[in-house]
Amino acid sequence: TWRLAESMIKQLGYTPKYREMTDEENAVKILGVYKTNGKQKAKEMMET
């Protein structure tokens, strides 16, 4: 939802206002890295 709504703002011709990523979005990023690059890369991202 977050990314879709911000993509709509871009399509409307505007640069989306800066927003700090939520803890849920950060977890989704880590899980995405786990799915594509494995457990070790996910742990590295998590520690960072």
ModelCIF file with pLDDT and N, C-alpha, C, O atoms, coordinates in Angstrom:
data_MODEL
#
_entry.id   MODEL 
#
_entity.id                         1 
_entity.type                       polymer 
_entity.pdbx_number_of_molecules   1 
#
_entity_poly.entity_id                      1 
_entity_poly.type                           'polypeptide(L)' 
_entity_poly.nstd_linkage                   no 
_entity_poly.nstd_monomer                   no 
_entity_poly.pdbx_seq_one_letter_code       TWRLAESMIKQLGYTPKYREMTDEENAVKILGVYKTNGKQKAKEMMET 
_entity_poly.pdbx_seq_one_letter_code_can   TWRLAESMIKQLGYTPKYREMTDEENAVKILGVYKTNGKQKAKEMMET 
_entity_poly.pdbx_strand_id                 A 
#
loop_
_entity_poly_seq.entity_id 
_entity_poly_seq.num 
_entity_poly_seq.mon_id 
_entity_poly_seq.hetero 
1 1  THR n 
1 2  TRP n 
1 3  ARG n 
1 4  LEU n 
1 5  ALA n 
1 6  GLU n 
1 7  SER n 
1 8  MET n 
1 9  ILE n 
1 10 LYS n 
1 11 GLN n 
1 12 LEU n 
1 13 GLY n 
1 14 TYR n 
1 15 THR n 
1 16 PRO n 
1 17 LYS n 
1 18 TYR n 
1 19 ARG n 
1 20 GLU n 
1 21 MET n 
1 22 THR n 
1 23 ASP n 
1 24 GLU n 
1 25 GLU n 
1 26 ASN n 
1 27 ALA n 
1 28 VAL n 
1 29 LYS n 
1 30 ILE n 
1 31 LEU n 
1 32 GLY n 
1 33 VAL n 
1 34 TYR n 
1 35 LYS n 
1 36 THR n 
1 37 ASN n 
1 38 GLY n 
1 39 LYS n 
1 40 GLN n 
1 41 LYS n 
1 42 ALA n 
1 43 LYS n 
1 44 GLU n 
1 45 MET n 
1 46 MET n 
1 47 GLU n 
1 48 THR n 
#
_struct_asym.id          A 
_struct_asym.entity_id   1 
#
loop_
_ma_qa_metric.id 
_ma_qa_metric.mode 
_ma_qa_metric.name 
_ma_qa_metric.software_group_id 
_ma_qa_metric.type 
1 global pLDDT . pLDDT 
2 local  pLDDT . pLDDT 
#
_ma_qa_metric_global.metric_id      1 
_ma_qa_metric_global.metric_value   97.06 
_ma_qa_metric_global.model_id       1 
_ma_qa_metric_global.ordinal_id     1 
#
loop_
_ma_qa_metric_local.label_asym_id 
_ma_qa_metric_local.label_comp_id 
_ma_qa_metric_local.label_seq_id 
_ma_qa_metric_local.metric_id 
_ma_qa_metric_local.metric_value 
_ma_qa_metric_local.model_id 
_ma_qa_metric_local.ordinal_id 
A THR 1  2 98.00 1 1  
A TRP 2  2 98.00 1 2  
A ARG 3  2 98.00 1 3  
A LEU 4  2 98.00 1 4  
A ALA 5  2 98.00 1 5  
A GLU 6  2 98.00 1 6  
A SER 7  2 98.00 1 7  
A MET 8  2 98.00 1 8  
A ILE 9  2 98.00 1 9  
A LYS 10 2 98.00 1 10 
A GLN 11 2 98.00 1 11 
A LEU 12 2 98.00 1 12 
A GLY 13 2 98.00 1 13 
A TYR 14 2 98.00 1 14 
A THR 15 2 98.00 1 15 
A PRO 16 2 98.00 1 16 
A LYS 17 2 98.00 1 17 
A TYR 18 2 97.00 1 18 
A ARG 19 2 97.00 1 19 
A GLU 20 2 96.00 1 20 
A MET 21 2 96.00 1 21 
A THR 22 2 96.00 1 22 
A ASP 23 2 95.00 1 23 
A GLU 24 2 96.00 1 24 
A GLU 25 2 97.00 1 25 
A ASN 26 2 97.00 1 26 
A ALA 27 2 97.00 1 27 
A VAL 28 2 97.00 1 28 
A LYS 29 2 97.00 1 29 
A ILE 30 2 98.00 1 30 
A LEU 31 2 97.00 1 31 
A GLY 32 2 97.00 1 32 
A VAL 33 2 97.00 1 33 
A TYR 34 2 97.00 1 34 
A LYS 35 2 96.00 1 35 
A THR 36 2 96.00 1 36 
A ASN 37 2 96.00 1 37 
A GLY 38 2 96.00 1 38 
A LYS 39 2 96.00 1 39 
A GLN 40 2 97.00 1 40 
A LYS 41 2 97.00 1 41 
A ALA 42 2 97.00 1 42 
A LYS 43 2 97.00 1 43 
A GLU 44 2 97.00 1 44 
A MET 45 2 97.00 1 45 
A MET 46 2 96.00 1 46 
A GLU 47 2 95.00 1 47 
A THR 48 2 96.00 1 48 
#
loop_
_atom_site.group_PDB 
_atom_site.id 
_atom_site.type_symbol 
_atom_site.label_atom_id 
_atom_site.label_alt_id 
_atom_site.label_comp_id 
_atom_site.label_asym_id 
_atom_site.label_entity_id 
_atom_site.label_seq_id 
_atom_site.pdbx_PDB_ins_code 
_atom_site.Cartn_x 
_atom_site.Cartn_y 
_atom_site.Cartn_z 
_atom_site.occupancy 
_atom_site.B_iso_or_equiv 
_atom_site.pdbx_formal_charge 
_atom_site.auth_seq_id 
_atom_site.auth_comp_id 
_atom_site.auth_asym_id 
_atom_site.auth_atom_id 
_atom_site.pdbx_PDB_model_num 
ATOM 1   N N  . THR A 1 1  ? 0.801  -1.224  0.000   1.00 98.00 ? 1  THR A N  1 
ATOM 2   C CA . THR A 1 1  ? 0.000  0.000   0.000   1.00 98.00 ? 1  THR A CA 1 
ATOM 3   C C  . THR A 1 1  ? 0.835  1.276   0.000   1.00 98.00 ? 1  THR A C  1 
ATOM 4   O O  . THR A 1 1  ? 0.571  2.189   -0.781  1.00 98.00 ? 1  THR A O  1 
ATOM 5   N N  . TRP A 1 2  ? 1.856  1.345   0.883   1.00 98.00 ? 2  TRP A N  1 
ATOM 6   C CA . TRP A 1 2  ? 2.656  2.573   0.956   1.00 98.00 ? 2  TRP A CA 1 
ATOM 7   C C  . TRP A 1 2  ? 3.281  2.895   -0.403  1.00 98.00 ? 2  TRP A C  1 
ATOM 8   O O  . TRP A 1 2  ? 3.155  4.010   -0.909  1.00 98.00 ? 2  TRP A O  1 
ATOM 9   N N  . ARG A 1 3  ? 3.949  1.914   -0.975  1.00 98.00 ? 3  ARG A N  1 
ATOM 10  C CA . ARG A 1 3  ? 4.654  2.149   -2.236  1.00 98.00 ? 3  ARG A CA 1 
ATOM 11  C C  . ARG A 1 3  ? 3.676  2.458   -3.360  1.00 98.00 ? 3  ARG A C  1 
ATOM 12  O O  . ARG A 1 3  ? 3.963  3.292   -4.218  1.00 98.00 ? 3  ARG A O  1 
ATOM 13  N N  . LEU A 1 4  ? 2.532  1.798   -3.363  1.00 98.00 ? 4  LEU A N  1 
ATOM 14  C CA . LEU A 1 4  ? 1.539  2.056   -4.399  1.00 98.00 ? 4  LEU A CA 1 
ATOM 15  C C  . LEU A 1 4  ? 1.036  3.493   -4.321  1.00 98.00 ? 4  LEU A C  1 
ATOM 16  O O  . LEU A 1 4  ? 0.950  4.180   -5.339  1.00 98.00 ? 4  LEU A O  1 
ATOM 17  N N  . ALA A 1 5  ? 0.704  3.948   -3.112  1.00 98.00 ? 5  ALA A N  1 
ATOM 18  C CA . ALA A 1 5  ? 0.182  5.307   -2.947  1.00 98.00 ? 5  ALA A CA 1 
ATOM 19  C C  . ALA A 1 5  ? 1.228  6.340   -3.355  1.00 98.00 ? 5  ALA A C  1 
ATOM 20  O O  . ALA A 1 5  ? 0.895  7.349   -3.978  1.00 98.00 ? 5  ALA A O  1 
ATOM 21  N N  . GLU A 1 6  ? 2.486  6.093   -3.007  1.00 98.00 ? 6  GLU A N  1 
ATOM 22  C CA . GLU A 1 6  ? 3.540  7.037   -3.391  1.00 98.00 ? 6  GLU A CA 1 
ATOM 23  C C  . GLU A 1 6  ? 3.806  6.997   -4.890  1.00 98.00 ? 6  GLU A C  1 
ATOM 24  O O  . GLU A 1 6  ? 4.199  8.006   -5.476  1.00 98.00 ? 6  GLU A O  1 
ATOM 25  N N  . SER A 1 7  ? 3.596  5.844   -5.515  1.00 98.00 ? 7  SER A N  1 
ATOM 26  C CA . SER A 1 7  ? 3.716  5.744   -6.972  1.00 98.00 ? 7  SER A CA 1 
ATOM 27  C C  . SER A 1 7  ? 2.606  6.537   -7.652  1.00 98.00 ? 7  SER A C  1 
ATOM 28  O O  . SER A 1 7  ? 2.818  7.117   -8.717  1.00 98.00 ? 7  SER A O  1 
ATOM 29  N N  . MET A 1 8  ? 1.432  6.564   -7.043  1.00 98.00 ? 8  MET A N  1 
ATOM 30  C CA . MET A 1 8  ? 0.338  7.380   -7.576  1.00 98.00 ? 8  MET A CA 1 
ATOM 31  C C  . MET A 1 8  ? 0.708  8.855   -7.517  1.00 98.00 ? 8  MET A C  1 
ATOM 32  O O  . MET A 1 8  ? 0.413  9.607   -8.446  1.00 98.00 ? 8  MET A O  1 
ATOM 33  N N  . ILE A 1 9  ? 1.351  9.271   -6.437  1.00 98.00 ? 9  ILE A N  1 
ATOM 34  C CA . ILE A 1 9  ? 1.778  10.671  -6.317  1.00 98.00 ? 9  ILE A CA 1 
ATOM 35  C C  . ILE A 1 9  ? 2.771  11.008  -7.423  1.00 98.00 ? 9  ILE A C  1 
ATOM 36  O O  . ILE A 1 9  ? 2.697  12.080  -8.024  1.00 98.00 ? 9  ILE A O  1 
ATOM 37  N N  . LYS A 1 10 ? 3.698  10.094  -7.690  1.00 98.00 ? 10 LYS A N  1 
ATOM 38  C CA . LYS A 1 10 ? 4.670  10.313  -8.767  1.00 98.00 ? 10 LYS A CA 1 
ATOM 39  C C  . LYS A 1 10 ? 3.969  10.419  -10.114 1.00 98.00 ? 10 LYS A C  1 
ATOM 40  O O  . LYS A 1 10 ? 4.302  11.282  -10.928 1.00 98.00 ? 10 LYS A O  1 
ATOM 41  N N  . GLN A 1 11 ? 2.994  9.535   -10.348 1.00 98.00 ? 11 GLN A N  1 
ATOM 42  C CA . GLN A 1 11 ? 2.279  9.554   -11.621 1.00 98.00 ? 11 GLN A CA 1 
ATOM 43  C C  . GLN A 1 11 ? 1.478  10.843  -11.788 1.00 98.00 ? 11 GLN A C  1 
ATOM 44  O O  . GLN A 1 11 ? 1.219  11.282  -12.908 1.00 98.00 ? 11 GLN A O  1 
ATOM 45  N N  . LEU A 1 12 ? 1.093  11.435  -10.681 1.00 98.00 ? 12 LEU A N  1 
ATOM 46  C CA . LEU A 1 12 ? 0.376  12.717  -10.715 1.00 98.00 ? 12 LEU A CA 1 
ATOM 47  C C  . LEU A 1 12 ? 1.326  13.887  -10.985 1.00 98.00 ? 12 LEU A C  1 
ATOM 48  O O  . LEU A 1 12 ? 0.892  15.024  -11.165 1.00 98.00 ? 12 LEU A O  1 
ATOM 49  N N  . GLY A 1 13 ? 2.631  13.587  -11.011 1.00 98.00 ? 13 GLY A N  1 
ATOM 50  C CA . GLY A 1 13 ? 3.599  14.615  -11.379 1.00 98.00 ? 13 GLY A CA 1 
ATOM 51  C C  . GLY A 1 13 ? 4.350  15.252  -10.227 1.00 98.00 ? 13 GLY A C  1 
ATOM 52  O O  . GLY A 1 13 ? 4.981  16.294  -10.401 1.00 98.00 ? 13 GLY A O  1 
ATOM 53  N N  . TYR A 1 14 ? 4.292  14.640  -9.050  1.00 98.00 ? 14 TYR A N  1 
ATOM 54  C CA . TYR A 1 14 ? 4.936  15.221  -7.868  1.00 98.00 ? 14 TYR A CA 1 
ATOM 55  C C  . TYR A 1 14 ? 5.952  14.251  -7.265  1.00 98.00 ? 14 TYR A C  1 
ATOM 56  O O  . TYR A 1 14 ? 5.836  13.033  -7.399  1.00 98.00 ? 14 TYR A O  1 
ATOM 57  N N  . THR A 1 15 ? 6.946  14.828  -6.600  1.00 98.00 ? 15 THR A N  1 
ATOM 58  C CA . THR A 1 15 ? 7.890  14.018  -5.846  1.00 98.00 ? 15 THR A CA 1 
ATOM 59  C C  . THR A 1 15 ? 7.288  13.739  -4.476  1.00 98.00 ? 15 THR A C  1 
ATOM 60  O O  . THR A 1 15 ? 6.986  14.684  -3.747  1.00 98.00 ? 15 THR A O  1 
ATOM 61  N N  . PRO A 1 16 ? 7.103  12.480  -4.099  1.00 98.00 ? 16 PRO A N  1 
ATOM 62  C CA . PRO A 1 16 ? 6.489  12.188  -2.798  1.00 98.00 ? 16 PRO A CA 1 
ATOM 63  C C  . PRO A 1 16 ? 7.275  12.800  -1.644  1.00 98.00 ? 16 PRO A C  1 
ATOM 64  O O  . PRO A 1 16 ? 8.506  12.806  -1.646  1.00 98.00 ? 16 PRO A O  1 
ATOM 65  N N  . LYS A 1 17 ? 6.558  13.302  -0.682  1.00 98.00 ? 17 LYS A N  1 
ATOM 66  C CA . LYS A 1 17 ? 7.166  13.865  0.519   1.00 98.00 ? 17 LYS A CA 1 
ATOM 67  C C  . LYS A 1 17 ? 7.966  12.783  1.258   1.00 98.00 ? 17 LYS A C  1 
ATOM 68  O O  . LYS A 1 17 ? 7.571  11.617  1.293   1.00 98.00 ? 17 LYS A O  1 
ATOM 69  N N  . TYR A 1 18 ? 9.089  13.188  1.843   1.00 97.00 ? 18 TYR A N  1 
ATOM 70  C CA . TYR A 1 18 ? 9.915  12.219  2.574   1.00 97.00 ? 18 TYR A CA 1 
ATOM 71  C C  . TYR A 1 18 ? 9.122  11.609  3.724   1.00 97.00 ? 18 TYR A C  1 
ATOM 72  O O  . TYR A 1 18 ? 8.404  12.305  4.441   1.00 97.00 ? 18 TYR A O  1 
ATOM 73  N N  . ARG A 1 19 ? 9.268  10.299  3.883   1.00 97.00 ? 19 ARG A N  1 
ATOM 74  C CA . ARG A 1 19 ? 8.599  9.585   4.957   1.00 97.00 ? 19 ARG A CA 1 
ATOM 75  C C  . ARG A 1 19 ? 9.541  8.527   5.506   1.00 97.00 ? 19 ARG A C  1 
ATOM 76  O O  . ARG A 1 19 ? 10.126 7.765   4.737   1.00 97.00 ? 19 ARG A O  1 
ATOM 77  N N  . GLU A 1 20 ? 9.695  8.469   6.813   1.00 96.00 ? 20 GLU A N  1 
ATOM 78  C CA . GLU A 1 20 ? 10.505 7.408   7.410   1.00 96.00 ? 20 GLU A CA 1 
ATOM 79  C C  . GLU A 1 20 ? 9.783  6.075   7.243   1.00 96.00 ? 20 GLU A C  1 
ATOM 80  O O  . GLU A 1 20 ? 8.582  5.974   7.491   1.00 96.00 ? 20 GLU A O  1 
ATOM 81  N N  . MET A 1 21 ? 10.523 5.058   6.822   1.00 96.00 ? 21 MET A N  1 
ATOM 82  C CA . MET A 1 21 ? 9.928  3.742   6.644   1.00 96.00 ? 21 MET A CA 1 
ATOM 83  C C  . MET A 1 21 ? 9.449  3.187   7.984   1.00 96.00 ? 21 MET A C  1 
ATOM 84  O O  . MET A 1 21 ? 10.095 3.386   9.012   1.00 96.00 ? 21 MET A O  1 
ATOM 85  N N  . THR A 1 22 ? 8.335  2.505   7.964   1.00 96.00 ? 22 THR A N  1 
ATOM 86  C CA . THR A 1 22 ? 7.799  1.894   9.177   1.00 96.00 ? 22 THR A CA 1 
ATOM 87  C C  . THR A 1 22 ? 8.561  0.609   9.510   1.00 96.00 ? 22 THR A C  1 
ATOM 88  O O  . THR A 1 22 ? 9.265  0.056   8.665   1.00 96.00 ? 22 THR A O  1 
ATOM 89  N N  . ASP A 1 23 ? 8.410  0.146   10.746  1.00 95.00 ? 23 ASP A N  1 
ATOM 90  C CA . ASP A 1 23 ? 9.065  -1.108  11.140  1.00 95.00 ? 23 ASP A CA 1 
ATOM 91  C C  . ASP A 1 23 ? 8.589  -2.281  10.294  1.00 95.00 ? 23 ASP A C  1 
ATOM 92  O O  . ASP A 1 23 ? 9.340  -3.224  10.047  1.00 95.00 ? 23 ASP A O  1 
ATOM 93  N N  . GLU A 1 24 ? 7.345  -2.218  9.854   1.00 96.00 ? 24 GLU A N  1 
ATOM 94  C CA . GLU A 1 24 ? 6.784  -3.275  9.015   1.00 96.00 ? 24 GLU A CA 1 
ATOM 95  C C  . GLU A 1 24 ? 7.453  -3.281  7.644   1.00 96.00 ? 24 GLU A C  1 
ATOM 96  O O  . GLU A 1 24 ? 7.799  -4.343  7.126   1.00 96.00 ? 24 GLU A O  1 
ATOM 97  N N  . GLU A 1 25 ? 7.639  -2.099  7.055   1.00 97.00 ? 25 GLU A N  1 
ATOM 98  C CA . GLU A 1 25 ? 8.291  -2.005  5.752   1.00 97.00 ? 25 GLU A CA 1 
ATOM 99  C C  . GLU A 1 25 ? 9.728  -2.505  5.821   1.00 97.00 ? 25 GLU A C  1 
ATOM 100 O O  . GLU A 1 25 ? 10.202 -3.172  4.901   1.00 97.00 ? 25 GLU A O  1 
ATOM 101 N N  . ASN A 1 26 ? 10.424 -2.183  6.914   1.00 97.00 ? 26 ASN A N  1 
ATOM 102 C CA . ASN A 1 26 ? 11.799 -2.658  7.075   1.00 97.00 ? 26 ASN A CA 1 
ATOM 103 C C  . ASN A 1 26 ? 11.847 -4.182  7.190   1.00 97.00 ? 26 ASN A C  1 
ATOM 104 O O  . ASN A 1 26 ? 12.748 -4.828  6.656   1.00 97.00 ? 26 ASN A O  1 
ATOM 105 N N  . ALA A 1 27 ? 10.868 -4.742  7.893   1.00 97.00 ? 27 ALA A N  1 
ATOM 106 C CA . ALA A 1 27 ? 10.793 -6.208  8.001   1.00 97.00 ? 27 ALA A CA 1 
ATOM 107 C C  . ALA A 1 27 ? 10.536 -6.837  6.634   1.00 97.00 ? 27 ALA A C  1 
ATOM 108 O O  . ALA A 1 27 ? 11.109 -7.877  6.306   1.00 97.00 ? 27 ALA A O  1 
ATOM 109 N N  . VAL A 1 28 ? 9.677  -6.207  5.841   1.00 97.00 ? 28 VAL A N  1 
ATOM 110 C CA . VAL A 1 28 ? 9.380  -6.705  4.496   1.00 97.00 ? 28 VAL A CA 1 
ATOM 111 C C  . VAL A 1 28 ? 10.639 -6.673  3.630   1.00 97.00 ? 28 VAL A C  1 
ATOM 112 O O  . VAL A 1 28 ? 10.877 -7.594  2.848   1.00 97.00 ? 28 VAL A O  1 
ATOM 113 N N  . LYS A 1 29 ? 11.446 -5.618  3.763   1.00 97.00 ? 29 LYS A N  1 
ATOM 114 C CA . LYS A 1 29 ? 12.695 -5.532  2.997   1.00 97.00 ? 29 LYS A CA 1 
ATOM 115 C C  . LYS A 1 29 ? 13.640 -6.681  3.363   1.00 97.00 ? 29 LYS A C  1 
ATOM 116 O O  . LYS A 1 29 ? 14.247 -7.302  2.491   1.00 97.00 ? 29 LYS A O  1 
ATOM 117 N N  . ILE A 1 30 ? 13.752 -6.949  4.655   1.00 98.00 ? 30 ILE A N  1 
ATOM 118 C CA . ILE A 1 30 ? 14.621 -8.033  5.117   1.00 98.00 ? 30 ILE A CA 1 
ATOM 119 C C  . ILE A 1 30 ? 14.131 -9.376  4.590   1.00 98.00 ? 30 ILE A C  1 
ATOM 120 O O  . ILE A 1 30 ? 14.928 -10.198 4.137   1.00 98.00 ? 30 ILE A O  1 
ATOM 121 N N  . LEU A 1 31 ? 12.834 -9.596  4.647   1.00 97.00 ? 31 LEU A N  1 
ATOM 122 C CA . LEU A 1 31 ? 12.273 -10.848 4.140   1.00 97.00 ? 31 LEU A CA 1 
ATOM 123 C C  . LEU A 1 31 ? 12.480 -10.969 2.632   1.00 97.00 ? 31 LEU A C  1 
ATOM 124 O O  . LEU A 1 31 ? 12.709 -12.062 2.116   1.00 97.00 ? 31 LEU A O  1 
ATOM 125 N N  . GLY A 1 32 ? 12.399 -9.841  1.930   1.00 97.00 ? 32 GLY A N  1 
ATOM 126 C CA . GLY A 1 32 ? 12.637 -9.849  0.493   1.00 97.00 ? 32 GLY A CA 1 
ATOM 127 C C  . GLY A 1 32 ? 14.069 -10.256 0.170   1.00 97.00 ? 32 GLY A C  1 
ATOM 128 O O  . GLY A 1 32 ? 14.310 -11.020 -0.764  1.00 97.00 ? 32 GLY A O  1 
ATOM 129 N N  . VAL A 1 33 ? 15.021 -9.739  0.954   1.00 97.00 ? 33 VAL A N  1 
ATOM 130 C CA . VAL A 1 33 ? 16.423 -10.100 0.765   1.00 97.00 ? 33 VAL A CA 1 
ATOM 131 C C  . VAL A 1 33 ? 16.623 -11.582 1.096   1.00 97.00 ? 33 VAL A C  1 
ATOM 132 O O  . VAL A 1 33 ? 17.375 -12.279 0.416   1.00 97.00 ? 33 VAL A O  1 
ATOM 133 N N  . TYR A 1 34 ? 15.948 -12.052 2.139   1.00 97.00 ? 34 TYR A N  1 
ATOM 134 C CA . TYR A 1 34 ? 16.045 -13.470 2.503   1.00 97.00 ? 34 TYR A CA 1 
ATOM 135 C C  . TYR A 1 34 ? 15.561 -14.342 1.342   1.00 97.00 ? 34 TYR A C  1 
ATOM 136 O O  . TYR A 1 34 ? 16.193 -15.345 1.010   1.00 97.00 ? 34 TYR A O  1 
ATOM 137 N N  . LYS A 1 35 ? 14.444 -13.961 0.731   1.00 96.00 ? 35 LYS A N  1 
ATOM 138 C CA . LYS A 1 35 ? 13.866 -14.758 -0.353  1.00 96.00 ? 35 LYS A CA 1 
ATOM 139 C C  . LYS A 1 35 ? 14.797 -14.809 -1.564  1.00 96.00 ? 35 LYS A C  1 
ATOM 140 O O  . LYS A 1 35 ? 14.905 -15.842 -2.224  1.00 96.00 ? 35 LYS A O  1 
ATOM 141 N N  . THR A 1 36 ? 15.473 -13.684 -1.857  1.00 96.00 ? 36 THR A N  1 
ATOM 142 C CA . THR A 1 36 ? 16.273 -13.616 -3.078  1.00 96.00 ? 36 THR A CA 1 
ATOM 143 C C  . THR A 1 36 ? 17.755 -13.915 -2.869  1.00 96.00 ? 36 THR A C  1 
ATOM 144 O O  . THR A 1 36 ? 18.413 -14.441 -3.767  1.00 96.00 ? 36 THR A O  1 
ATOM 145 N N  . ASN A 1 37 ? 18.289 -13.580 -1.679  1.00 96.00 ? 37 ASN A N  1 
ATOM 146 C CA . ASN A 1 37 ? 19.738 -13.701 -1.464  1.00 96.00 ? 37 ASN A CA 1 
ATOM 147 C C  . ASN A 1 37 ? 20.140 -14.594 -0.294  1.00 96.00 ? 37 ASN A C  1 
ATOM 148 O O  . ASN A 1 37 ? 21.329 -14.808 -0.057  1.00 96.00 ? 37 ASN A O  1 
ATOM 149 N N  . GLY A 1 38 ? 19.163 -15.110 0.432   1.00 96.00 ? 38 GLY A N  1 
ATOM 150 C CA . GLY A 1 38 ? 19.485 -16.044 1.496   1.00 96.00 ? 38 GLY A CA 1 
ATOM 151 C C  . GLY A 1 38 ? 19.577 -15.442 2.890   1.00 96.00 ? 38 GLY A C  1 
ATOM 152 O O  . GLY A 1 38 ? 19.514 -14.227 3.078   1.00 96.00 ? 38 GLY A O  1 
ATOM 153 N N  . LYS A 1 39 ? 19.727 -16.336 3.857   1.00 96.00 ? 39 LYS A N  1 
ATOM 154 C CA . LYS A 1 39 ? 19.687 -15.976 5.278   1.00 96.00 ? 39 LYS A CA 1 
ATOM 155 C C  . LYS A 1 39 ? 20.823 -15.049 5.692   1.00 96.00 ? 39 LYS A C  1 
ATOM 156 O O  . LYS A 1 39 ? 20.600 -14.098 6.441   1.00 96.00 ? 39 LYS A O  1 
ATOM 157 N N  . GLN A 1 40 ? 22.033 -15.312 5.216   1.00 97.00 ? 40 GLN A N  1 
ATOM 158 C CA . GLN A 1 40 ? 23.176 -14.511 5.654   1.00 97.00 ? 40 GLN A CA 1 
ATOM 159 C C  . GLN A 1 40 ? 23.039 -13.052 5.223   1.00 97.00 ? 40 GLN A C  1 
ATOM 160 O O  . GLN A 1 40 ? 23.305 -12.147 6.013   1.00 97.00 ? 40 GLN A O  1 
ATOM 161 N N  . LYS A 1 41 ? 22.628 -12.820 3.983   1.00 97.00 ? 41 LYS A N  1 
ATOM 162 C CA . LYS A 1 41 ? 22.446 -11.453 3.497   1.00 97.00 ? 41 LYS A CA 1 
ATOM 163 C C  . LYS A 1 41 ? 21.330 -10.754 4.268   1.00 97.00 ? 41 LYS A C  1 
ATOM 164 O O  . LYS A 1 41 ? 21.411 -9.558  4.547   1.00 97.00 ? 41 LYS A O  1 
ATOM 165 N N  . ALA A 1 42 ? 20.293 -11.508 4.608   1.00 97.00 ? 42 ALA A N  1 
ATOM 166 C CA . ALA A 1 42 ? 19.187 -10.933 5.383   1.00 97.00 ? 42 ALA A CA 1 
ATOM 167 C C  . ALA A 1 42 ? 19.674 -10.520 6.769   1.00 97.00 ? 42 ALA A C  1 
ATOM 168 O O  . ALA A 1 42 ? 19.294 -9.463  7.273   1.00 97.00 ? 42 ALA A O  1 
ATOM 169 N N  . LYS A 1 43 ? 20.513 -11.348 7.385   1.00 97.00 ? 43 LYS A N  1 
ATOM 170 C CA . LYS A 1 43 ? 21.063 -11.014 8.705   1.00 97.00 ? 43 LYS A CA 1 
ATOM 171 C C  . LYS A 1 43 ? 21.969 -9.785  8.633   1.00 97.00 ? 43 LYS A C  1 
ATOM 172 O O  . LYS A 1 43 ? 21.971 -8.955  9.542   1.00 97.00 ? 43 LYS A O  1 
ATOM 173 N N  . GLU A 1 44 ? 22.735 -9.674  7.554   1.00 97.00 ? 44 GLU A N  1 
ATOM 174 C CA . GLU A 1 44 ? 23.598 -8.505  7.384   1.00 97.00 ? 44 GLU A CA 1 
ATOM 175 C C  . GLU A 1 44 ? 22.774 -7.229  7.261   1.00 97.00 ? 44 GLU A C  1 
ATOM 176 O O  . GLU A 1 44 ? 23.106 -6.206  7.859   1.00 97.00 ? 44 GLU A O  1 
ATOM 177 N N  . MET A 1 45 ? 21.704 -7.296  6.486   1.00 97.00 ? 45 MET A N  1 
ATOM 178 C CA . MET A 1 45 ? 20.826 -6.134  6.350   1.00 97.00 ? 45 MET A CA 1 
ATOM 179 C C  . MET A 1 45 ? 20.172 -5.796  7.686   1.00 97.00 ? 45 MET A C  1 
ATOM 180 O O  . MET A 1 45 ? 20.049 -4.626  8.049   1.00 97.00 ? 45 MET A O  1 
ATOM 181 N N  . MET A 1 46 ? 19.760 -6.821  8.405   1.00 96.00 ? 46 MET A N  1 
ATOM 182 C CA . MET A 1 46 ? 19.118 -6.628  9.698   1.00 96.00 ? 46 MET A CA 1 
ATOM 183 C C  . MET A 1 46 ? 20.054 -5.925  10.684  1.00 96.00 ? 46 MET A C  1 
ATOM 184 O O  . MET A 1 46 ? 19.646 -5.002  11.388  1.00 96.00 ? 46 MET A O  1 
ATOM 185 N N  . GLU A 1 47 ? 21.301 -6.369  10.725  1.00 95.00 ? 47 GLU A N  1 
ATOM 186 C CA . GLU A 1 47 ? 22.262 -5.754  11.645  1.00 95.00 ? 47 GLU A CA 1 
ATOM 187 C C  . GLU A 1 47 ? 22.524 -4.292  11.265  1.00 95.00 ? 47 GLU A C  1 
ATOM 188 O O  . GLU A 1 47 ? 22.633 -3.425  12.132  1.00 95.00 ? 47 GLU A O  1 
ATOM 189 N N  . THR A 1 48 ? 22.622 -4.036  9.964   1.00 96.00 ? 48 THR A N  1 
ATOM 190 C CA . THR A 1 48 ? 22.824 -2.651  9.508   1.00 96.00 ? 48 THR A CA 1 
ATOM 191 C C  . THR A 1 48 ? 21.663 -1.766  9.934   1.00 96.00 ? 48 THR A C  1 
ATOM 192 O O  . THR A 1 48 ? 21.658 -0.571  9.640   1.00 96.00 ? 48 THR A O  1 
#
